Every structure is written in structure tokens, then in C-alpha cells.
Amino acid sequence: MIKEQTNKQLAEGVRTTNRRNDTSFAVISNDISYIRRDVSEIKQRLEGDYVTKEQFAPIQKLVYGLVSLILVAVVGALMALVLQR
């Protein structure tokens, strides 16, 4: 009698655990599908909206060169003003 009750309790516990696991698997599967969709959106944006480092390097060098040239001109002008007096 006690053994039957224990077996029934164990069987019910296993069923409950299986139901919980099924629910967890469904939630995880749903989350994975959302993650896949988000990753594909990110890939599309990266390919279309942004430039690579190789594409940006020449522009970066040009801008840094122009800024350096302007700063040298400003510093040179300030030095010329100071040295004239």
C-alpha cells in the first residue's frame, strides 16, 4: 500500500516535471526564434547602413590631415602675432 502511494507520487512528480520542461522548451524555442530574427535585422543594417573600416580609412586620413593643417595654421598665426610685439 505504501509502495503504491509512493509510486503514484513519483509518477505524478514526473508528469509535473515533464509539463514544466515542455513549457520551458516552448519558451526557449520562442526566444530563440526572436533572437534569430533580431540577428538577421542587425546583419541587414550592418550591410546597408554602415561602412567598413577599409572604406572609412581614406576619409579618416583626409579629415585628420585637414584638421592638422588648420591647427598648424592657427598656431602659426598665433605665434606670428606674439613674435611681432
PDB file of N, CA and C in Angstrom:
ATOM      1  N   MET A   1       0.818  -1.192   0.000  1.00  0.00           N
ATOM      2  CA  MET A   1       0.000   0.000   0.000  1.00  0.00           C
ATOM      3  C   MET A   1       0.866   1.262   0.000  1.00  0.00           C
ATOM      4  N   ILE A   2       1.829   1.328   0.893  1.00  0.00           N
ATOM      5  CA  ILE A   2       2.712   2.495   0.961  1.00  0.00           C
ATOM      6  C   ILE A   2       3.532   2.594  -0.319  1.00  0.00           C
ATOM      7  N   LYS A   3       3.940   1.426  -0.828  1.00  0.00           N
ATOM      8  CA  LYS A   3       4.742   1.402  -2.052  1.00  0.00           C
ATOM      9  C   LYS A   3       3.933   1.926  -3.242  1.00  0.00           C
ATOM     10  N   GLU A   4       2.651   1.580  -3.299  1.00  0.00           N
ATOM     11  CA  GLU A   4       1.788   2.064  -4.380  1.00  0.00           C
ATOM     12  C   GLU A   4       1.628   3.580  -4.321  1.00  0.00           C
ATOM     13  N   GLN A   5       1.433   4.112  -3.124  1.00  0.00           N
ATOM     14  CA  GLN A   5       1.293   5.561  -2.965  1.00  0.00           C
ATOM     15  C   GLN A   5       2.581   6.272  -3.366  1.00  0.00           C
ATOM     16  N   THR A   6       3.690   5.704  -2.963  1.00  0.00           N
ATOM     17  CA  THR A   6       4.979   6.302  -3.319  1.00  0.00           C
ATOM     18  C   THR A   6       5.171   6.288  -4.828  1.00  0.00           C
ATOM     19  N   ASN A   7       4.831   5.187  -5.460  1.00  0.00           N
ATOM     20  CA  ASN A   7       4.946   5.089  -6.914  1.00  0.00           C
ATOM     21  C   ASN A   7       4.033   6.088  -7.608  1.00  0.00           C
ATOM     22  N   LYS A   8       2.797   6.242  -7.092  1.00  0.00           N
ATOM     23  CA  LYS A   8       1.859   7.206  -7.665  1.00  0.00           C
ATOM     24  C   LYS A   8       2.390   8.630  -7.514  1.00  0.00           C
ATOM     25  N   GLN A   9       2.947   8.934  -6.350  1.00  0.00           N
ATOM     26  CA  GLN A   9       3.505  10.264  -6.123  1.00  0.00           C
ATOM     27  C   GLN A   9       4.689  10.527  -7.046  1.00  0.00           C
ATOM     28  N   LEU A  10       5.520   9.523  -7.197  1.00  0.00           N
ATOM     29  CA  LEU A  10       6.659   9.670  -8.101  1.00  0.00           C
ATOM     30  C   LEU A  10       6.187   9.876  -9.537  1.00  0.00           C
ATOM     31  N   ALA A  11       5.204   9.095  -9.957  1.00  0.00           N
ATOM     32  CA  ALA A  11       4.684   9.214 -11.319  1.00  0.00           C
ATOM     33  C   ALA A  11       4.082  10.605 -11.536  1.00  0.00           C
ATOM     34  N   GLU A  12       3.345  11.101 -10.569  1.00  0.00           N
ATOM     35  CA  GLU A  12       2.759  12.432 -10.680  1.00  0.00           C
ATOM     36  C   GLU A  12       3.844  13.506 -10.709  1.00  0.00           C
ATOM     37  N   GLY A  13       4.884  13.321  -9.912  1.00  0.00           N
ATOM     38  CA  GLY A  13       6.006  14.255  -9.911  1.00  0.00           C
ATOM     39  C   GLY A  13       6.708  14.279 -11.255  1.00  0.00           C
ATOM     40  N   VAL A  14       6.860  13.116 -11.856  1.00  0.00           N
ATOM     41  CA  VAL A  14       7.493  13.033 -13.178  1.00  0.00           C
ATOM     42  C   VAL A  14       6.623  13.729 -14.213  1.00  0.00           C
ATOM     43  N   ARG A  15       5.306  13.511 -14.168  1.00  0.00           N
ATOM     44  CA  ARG A  15       4.400  14.170 -15.106  1.00  0.00           C
ATOM     45  C   ARG A  15       4.463  15.691 -14.963  1.00  0.00           C
ATOM     46  N   THR A  16       4.466  16.149 -13.716  1.00  0.00           N
ATOM     47  CA  THR A  16       4.533  17.589 -13.459  1.00  0.00           C
ATOM     48  C   THR A  16       5.842  18.162 -13.993  1.00  0.00           C
ATOM     49  N   THR A  17       6.918  17.457 -13.753  1.00  0.00           N
ATOM     50  CA  THR A  17       8.228  17.904 -14.242  1.00  0.00           C
ATOM     51  C   THR A  17       8.248  17.930 -15.762  1.00  0.00           C
ATOM     52  N   ASN A  18       7.678  16.929 -16.404  1.00  0.00           N
ATOM     53  CA  ASN A  18       7.628  16.885 -17.868  1.00  0.00           C
ATOM     54  C   ASN A  18       6.821  18.057 -18.423  1.00  0.00           C
ATOM     55  N   ARG A  19       5.692  18.393 -17.768  1.00  0.00           N
ATOM     56  CA  ARG A  19       4.888  19.523 -18.219  1.00  0.00           C
ATOM     57  C   ARG A  19       5.681  20.837 -18.107  1.00  0.00           C
ATOM     58  N   ARG A  20       6.391  20.970 -16.994  1.00  0.00           N
ATOM     59  CA  ARG A  20       7.206  22.176 -16.802  1.00  0.00           C
ATOM     60  C   ARG A  20       8.300  22.247 -17.862  1.00  0.00           C
ATOM     61  N   ASN A  21       8.942  21.111 -18.120  1.00  0.00           N
ATOM     62  CA  ASN A  21      10.005  21.092 -19.126  1.00  0.00           C
ATOM     63  C   ASN A  21       9.452  21.416 -20.506  1.00  0.00           C
ATOM     64  N   ASP A  22       8.274  20.880 -20.844  1.00  0.00           N
ATOM     65  CA  ASP A  22       7.671  21.180 -22.136  1.00  0.00           C
ATOM     66  C   ASP A  22       7.402  22.668 -22.273  1.00  0.00           C
ATOM     67  N   THR A  23       6.905  23.268 -21.181  1.00  0.00           N
ATOM     68  CA  THR A  23       6.643  24.704 -21.192  1.00  0.00           C
ATOM     69  C   THR A  23       7.947  25.478 -21.332  1.00  0.00           C
ATOM     70  N   SER A  24       8.969  25.055 -20.608  1.00  0.00           N
ATOM     71  CA  SER A  24      10.272  25.733 -20.686  1.00  0.00           C
ATOM     72  C   SER A  24      10.849  25.619 -22.090  1.00  0.00           C
ATOM     73  N   PHE A  25      10.741  24.450 -22.695  1.00  0.00           N
ATOM     74  CA  PHE A  25      11.260  24.264 -24.046  1.00  0.00           C
ATOM     75  C   PHE A  25      10.512  25.149 -25.039  1.00  0.00           C
ATOM     76  N   ALA A  26       9.222  25.298 -24.852  1.00  0.00           N
ATOM     77  CA  ALA A  26       8.443  26.148 -25.747  1.00  0.00           C
ATOM     78  C   ALA A  26       8.867  27.612 -25.612  1.00  0.00           C
ATOM     79  N   VAL A  27       9.078  28.043 -24.392  1.00  0.00           N
ATOM     80  CA  VAL A  27       9.507  29.422 -24.154  1.00  0.00           C
ATOM     81  C   VAL A  27      10.898  29.646 -24.739  1.00  0.00           C
ATOM     82  N   ILE A  28      11.796  28.702 -24.523  1.00  0.00           N
ATOM     83  CA  ILE A  28      13.155  28.820 -25.053  1.00  0.00           C
ATOM     84  C   ILE A  28      13.129  28.834 -26.569  1.00  0.00           C
ATOM     85  N   SER A  29      12.333  27.977 -27.155  1.00  0.00           N
ATOM     86  CA  SER A  29      12.226  27.925 -28.618  1.00  0.00           C
ATOM     87  C   SER A  29      11.697  29.247 -29.166  1.00  0.00           C
ATOM     88  N   ASN A  30      10.714  29.804 -28.509  1.00  0.00           N
ATOM     89  CA  ASN A  30      10.160  31.097 -28.914  1.00  0.00           C
ATOM     90  C   ASN A  30      11.216  32.192 -28.804  1.00  0.00           C
ATOM     91  N   ASP A  31      11.973  32.192 -27.706  1.00  0.00           N
ATOM     92  CA  ASP A  31      13.027  33.187 -27.521  1.00  0.00           C
ATOM     93  C   ASP A  31      14.099  33.059 -28.599  1.00  0.00           C
ATOM     94  N   ILE A  32      14.453  31.845 -28.943  1.00  0.00           N
ATOM     95  CA  ILE A  32      15.469  31.629 -29.973  1.00  0.00           C
ATOM     96  C   ILE A  32      14.986  32.164 -31.316  1.00  0.00           C
ATOM     97  N   SER A  33      13.712  31.975 -31.627  1.00  0.00           N
ATOM     98  CA  SER A  33      13.205  32.497 -32.903  1.00  0.00           C
ATOM     99  C   SER A  33      13.259  34.027 -32.921  1.00  0.00           C
ATOM    100  N   TYR A  34      12.963  34.688 -31.798  1.00  0.00           N
ATOM    101  CA  TYR A  34      13.075  36.145 -31.726  1.00  0.00           C
ATOM    102  C   TYR A  34      14.526  36.589 -31.891  1.00  0.00           C
ATOM    103  N   ILE A  35      15.439  35.868 -31.259  1.00  0.00           N
ATOM    104  CA  ILE A  35      16.859  36.211 -31.353  1.00  0.00           C
ATOM    105  C   ILE A  35      17.334  36.073 -32.795  1.00  0.00           C
ATOM    106  N   ARG A  36      16.936  35.011 -33.473  1.00  0.00           N
ATOM    107  CA  ARG A  36      17.322  34.823 -34.874  1.00  0.00           C
ATOM    108  C   ARG A  36      16.816  35.966 -35.742  1.00  0.00           C
ATOM    109  N   ARG A  37      15.578  36.378 -35.517  1.00  0.00           N
ATOM    110  CA  ARG A  37      15.017  37.479 -36.293  1.00  0.00           C
ATOM    111  C   ARG A  37      15.788  38.773 -36.032  1.00  0.00           C
ATOM    112  N   ASP A  38      16.106  39.029 -34.768  1.00  0.00           N
ATOM    113  CA  ASP A  38      16.850  40.232 -34.421  1.00  0.00           C
ATOM    114  C   ASP A  38      18.249  40.224 -35.035  1.00  0.00           C
ATOM    115  N   VAL A  39      18.905  39.082 -35.008  1.00  0.00           N
ATOM    116  CA  VAL A  39      20.241  38.986 -35.587  1.00  0.00           C
ATOM    117  C   VAL A  39      20.193  39.220 -37.088  1.00  0.00           C
ATOM    118  N   SER A  40      19.179  38.683 -37.752  1.00  0.00           N
ATOM    119  CA  SER A  40      19.077  38.911 -39.202  1.00  0.00           C
ATOM    120  C   SER A  40      18.822  40.390 -39.503  1.00  0.00           C
ATOM    121  N   GLU A  41      18.035  41.072 -38.676  1.00  0.00           N
ATOM    122  CA  GLU A  41      17.824  42.513 -38.856  1.00  0.00           C
ATOM    123  C   GLU A  41      19.121  43.283 -38.663  1.00  0.00           C
ATOM    124  N   ILE A  42      19.896  42.900 -37.665  1.00  0.00           N
ATOM    125  CA  ILE A  42      21.171  43.567 -37.404  1.00  0.00           C
ATOM    126  C   ILE A  42      22.121  43.365 -38.584  1.00  0.00           C
ATOM    127  N   LYS A  43      22.160  42.156 -39.122  1.00  0.00           N
ATOM    128  CA  LYS A  43      23.015  41.886 -40.280  1.00  0.00           C
ATOM    129  C   LYS A  43      22.619  42.765 -41.461  1.00  0.00           C
ATOM    130  N   GLN A  44      21.328  42.891 -41.707  1.00  0.00           N
ATOM    131  CA  GLN A  44      20.865  43.717 -42.823  1.00  0.00           C
ATOM    132  C   GLN A  44      21.267  45.176 -42.622  1.00  0.00           C
ATOM    133  N   ARG A  45      21.143  45.667 -41.415  1.00  0.00           N
ATOM    134  CA  ARG A  45      21.523  47.050 -41.137  1.00  0.00           C
ATOM    135  C   ARG A  45      23.017  47.249 -41.316  1.00  0.00           C
ATOM    136  N   LEU A  46      23.804  46.306 -40.831  1.00  0.00           N
ATOM    137  CA  LEU A  46      25.252  46.432 -40.950  1.00  0.00           C
ATOM    138  C   LEU A  46      25.687  46.438 -42.405  1.00  0.00           C
ATOM    139  N   GLU A  47      25.051  45.641 -43.223  1.00  0.00           N
ATOM    140  CA  GLU A  47      25.413  45.567 -44.633  1.00  0.00           C
ATOM    141  C   GLU A  47      24.971  46.810 -45.397  1.00  0.00           C
ATOM    142  N   GLY A  48      23.861  47.413 -45.017  1.00  0.00           N
ATOM    143  CA  GLY A  48      23.314  48.518 -45.782  1.00  0.00           C
ATOM    144  C   GLY A  48      23.628  49.904 -45.262  1.00  0.00           C
ATOM    145  N   ASP A  49      23.609  50.090 -43.960  1.00  0.00           N
ATOM    146  CA  ASP A  49      23.669  51.432 -43.395  1.00  0.00           C
ATOM    147  C   ASP A  49      25.053  51.876 -42.942  1.00  0.00           C
ATOM    148  N   TYR A  50      25.992  50.967 -42.791  1.00  0.00           N
ATOM    149  CA  TYR A  50      27.284  51.307 -42.215  1.00  0.00           C
ATOM    150  C   TYR A  50      28.415  50.982 -43.186  1.00  0.00           C
ATOM    151  N   VAL A  51      29.540  51.623 -42.977  1.00  0.00           N
ATOM    152  CA  VAL A  51      30.717  51.368 -43.815  1.00  0.00           C
ATOM    153  C   VAL A  51      31.718  50.538 -43.030  1.00  0.00           C
ATOM    154  N   THR A  52      32.576  49.862 -43.756  1.00  0.00           N
ATOM    155  CA  THR A  52      33.612  49.066 -43.102  1.00  0.00           C
ATOM    156  C   THR A  52      34.810  49.954 -42.775  1.00  0.00           C
ATOM    157  N   LYS A  53      35.717  49.424 -41.980  1.00  0.00           N
ATOM    158  CA  LYS A  53      36.917  50.179 -41.639  1.00  0.00           C
ATOM    159  C   LYS A  53      37.754  50.463 -42.878  1.00  0.00           C
ATOM    160  N   GLU A  54      37.790  49.509 -43.800  1.00  0.00           N
ATOM    161  CA  GLU A  54      38.566  49.699 -45.022  1.00  0.00           C
ATOM    162  C   GLU A  54      37.989  50.841 -45.866  1.00  0.00           C
ATOM    163  N   GLN A  55      36.665  50.945 -45.889  1.00  0.00           N
ATOM    164  CA  GLN A  55      36.033  52.013 -46.655  1.00  0.00           C
ATOM    165  C   GLN A  55      36.213  53.370 -45.976  1.00  0.00           C
ATOM    166  N   PHE A  56      36.323  53.379 -44.657  1.00  0.00           N
ATOM    167  CA  PHE A  56      36.387  54.624 -43.900  1.00  0.00           C
ATOM    168  C   PHE A  56      37.815  55.161 -43.768  1.00  0.00           C
ATOM    169  N   ALA A  57      38.817  54.309 -43.854  1.00  0.00           N
ATOM    170  CA  ALA A  57      40.209  54.711 -43.608  1.00  0.00           C
ATOM    171  C   ALA A  57      40.666  55.873 -44.482  1.00  0.00           C
ATOM    172  N   PRO A  58      40.441  55.892 -45.793  1.00  0.00           N
ATOM    173  CA  PRO A  58      40.911  57.042 -46.590  1.00  0.00           C
ATOM    174  C   PRO A  58      40.241  58.355 -46.187  1.00  0.00           C
ATOM    175  N   ILE A  59      38.984  58.303 -45.870  1.00  0.00           N
ATOM    176  CA  ILE A  59      38.262  59.511 -45.464  1.00  0.00           C
ATOM    177  C   ILE A  59      38.779  59.998 -44.117  1.00  0.00           C
ATOM    178  N   GLN A  60      39.053  59.074 -43.232  1.00  0.00           N
ATOM    179  CA  GLN A  60      39.591  59.434 -41.926  1.00  0.00           C
ATOM    180  C   GLN A  60      40.952  60.115 -42.079  1.00  0.00           C
ATOM    181  N   LYS A  61      41.812  59.573 -42.930  1.00  0.00           N
ATOM    182  CA  LYS A  61      43.125  60.180 -43.154  1.00  0.00           C
ATOM    183  C   LYS A  61      42.991  61.584 -43.741  1.00  0.00           C
ATOM    184  N   LEU A  62      42.084  61.749 -44.670  1.00  0.00           N
ATOM    185  CA  LEU A  62      41.856  63.056 -45.280  1.00  0.00           C
ATOM    186  C   LEU A  62      41.399  64.086 -44.248  1.00  0.00           C
ATOM    187  N   VAL A  63      40.425  63.703 -43.433  1.00  0.00           N
ATOM    188  CA  VAL A  63      39.888  64.623 -42.422  1.00  0.00           C
ATOM    189  C   VAL A  63      40.954  64.948 -41.383  1.00  0.00           C
ATOM    190  N   TYR A  64      41.690  63.942 -40.908  1.00  0.00           N
ATOM    191  CA  TYR A  64      42.750  64.200 -39.928  1.00  0.00           C
ATOM    192  C   TYR A  64      43.816  65.116 -40.523  1.00  0.00           C
ATOM    193  N   GLY A  65      44.135  64.912 -41.800  1.00  0.00           N
ATOM    194  CA  GLY A  65      45.118  65.774 -42.453  1.00  0.00           C
ATOM    195  C   GLY A  65      44.649  67.212 -42.528  1.00  0.00           C
ATOM    196  N   LEU A  66      43.401  67.422 -42.911  1.00  0.00           N
ATOM    197  CA  LEU A  66      42.850  68.780 -42.996  1.00  0.00           C
ATOM    198  C   LEU A  66      42.793  69.454 -41.629  1.00  0.00           C
ATOM    199  N   VAL A  67      42.391  68.718 -40.621  1.00  0.00           N
ATOM    200  CA  VAL A  67      42.331  69.281 -39.267  1.00  0.00           C
ATOM    201  C   VAL A  67      43.732  69.642 -38.791  1.00  0.00           C
ATOM    202  N   SER A  68      44.694  68.786 -39.064  1.00  0.00           N
ATOM    203  CA  SER A  68      46.080  69.078 -38.682  1.00  0.00           C
ATOM    204  C   SER A  68      46.577  70.335 -39.385  1.00  0.00           C
ATOM    205  N   LEU A  69      46.268  70.451 -40.655  1.00  0.00           N
ATOM    206  CA  LEU A  69      46.680  71.627 -41.417  1.00  0.00           C
ATOM    207  C   LEU A  69      46.078  72.905 -40.829  1.00  0.00           C
ATOM    208  N   ILE A  70      44.803  72.854 -40.490  1.00  0.00           N
ATOM    209  CA  ILE A  70      44.134  74.020 -39.897  1.00  0.00           C
ATOM    210  C   ILE A  70      44.752  74.369 -38.551  1.00  0.00           C
ATOM    211  N   LEU A  71      45.025  73.364 -37.730  1.00  0.00           N
ATOM    212  CA  LEU A  71      45.626  73.629 -36.418  1.00  0.00           C
ATOM    213  C   LEU A  71      47.025  74.217 -36.551  1.00  0.00           C
ATOM    214  N   VAL A  72      47.802  73.712 -37.495  1.00  0.00           N
ATOM    215  CA  VAL A  72      49.143  74.277 -37.713  1.00  0.00           C
ATOM    216  C   VAL A  72      49.021  75.736 -38.152  1.00  0.00           C
ATOM    217  N   ALA A  73      48.068  76.045 -39.013  1.00  0.00           N
ATOM    218  CA  ALA A  73      47.878  77.418 -39.472  1.00  0.00           C
ATOM    219  C   ALA A  73      47.478  78.327 -38.311  1.00  0.00           C
ATOM    220  N   VAL A  74      46.587  77.875 -37.461  1.00  0.00           N
ATOM    221  CA  VAL A  74      46.144  78.687 -36.320  1.00  0.00           C
ATOM    222  C   VAL A  74      47.305  78.913 -35.357  1.00  0.00           C
ATOM    223  N   VAL A  75      48.042  77.865 -35.038  1.00  0.00           N
ATOM    224  CA  VAL A  75      49.169  78.001 -34.110  1.00  0.00           C
ATOM    225  C   VAL A  75      50.232  78.912 -34.727  1.00  0.00           C
ATOM    226  N   GLY A  76      50.487  78.752 -36.031  1.00  0.00           N
ATOM    227  CA  GLY A  76      51.453  79.627 -36.706  1.00  0.00           C
ATOM    228  C   GLY A  76      51.023  81.081 -36.668  1.00  0.00           C
ATOM    229  N   ALA A  77      49.738  81.330 -36.881  1.00  0.00           N
ATOM    230  CA  ALA A  77      49.229  82.703 -36.835  1.00  0.00           C
ATOM    231  C   ALA A  77      49.362  83.289 -35.441  1.00  0.00           C
ATOM    232  N   LEU A  78      49.068  82.498 -34.426  1.00  0.00           N
ATOM    233  CA  LEU A  78      49.203  82.982 -33.039  1.00  0.00           C
ATOM    234  C   LEU A  78      50.653  83.268 -32.704  1.00  0.00           C
ATOM    235  N   MET A  79      51.559  82.420 -33.156  1.00  0.00           N
ATOM    236  CA  MET A  79      52.978  82.647 -32.905  1.00  0.00           C
ATOM    237  C   MET A  79      53.459  83.917 -33.623  1.00  0.00           C
ATOM    238  N   ALA A  80      52.976  84.134 -34.827  1.00  0.00           N
ATOM    239  CA  ALA A  80      53.360  85.339 -35.575  1.00  0.00           C
ATOM    240  C   ALA A  80      52.878  86.590 -34.848  1.00  0.00           C
ATOM    241  N   LEU A  81      51.674  86.552 -34.289  1.00  0.00           N
ATOM    242  CA  LEU A  81      51.155  87.707 -33.547  1.00  0.00           C
ATOM    243  C   LEU A  81      51.990  87.960 -32.293  1.00  0.00           C
ATOM    244  N   VAL A  82      52.365  86.908 -31.610  1.00  0.00           N
ATOM    245  CA  VAL A  82      53.132  87.065 -30.371  1.00  0.00           C
ATOM    246  C   VAL A  82      54.538  87.565 -30.670  1.00  0.00           C
ATOM    247  N   LEU A  83      55.157  87.044 -31.709  1.00  0.00           N
ATOM    248  CA  LEU A  83      56.535  87.414 -32.018  1.00  0.00           C
ATOM    249  C   LEU A  83      56.643  88.823 -32.606  1.00  0.00           C
ATOM    250  N   GLN A  84      55.617  89.365 -33.201  1.00  0.00           N
ATOM    251  CA  GLN A  84      55.636  90.717 -33.756  1.00  0.00           C
ATOM    252  C   GLN A  84      55.706  91.756 -32.666  1.00  0.00           C
ATOM    253  N   ARG A  85      55.201  91.484 -31.527  1.00  0.00           N
ATOM    254  CA  ARG A  85      55.147  92.511 -30.462  1.00  0.00           C
ATOM    255  C   ARG A  85      56.386  92.516 -29.681  1.00  0.00           C
TER     256      ARG A  85
END
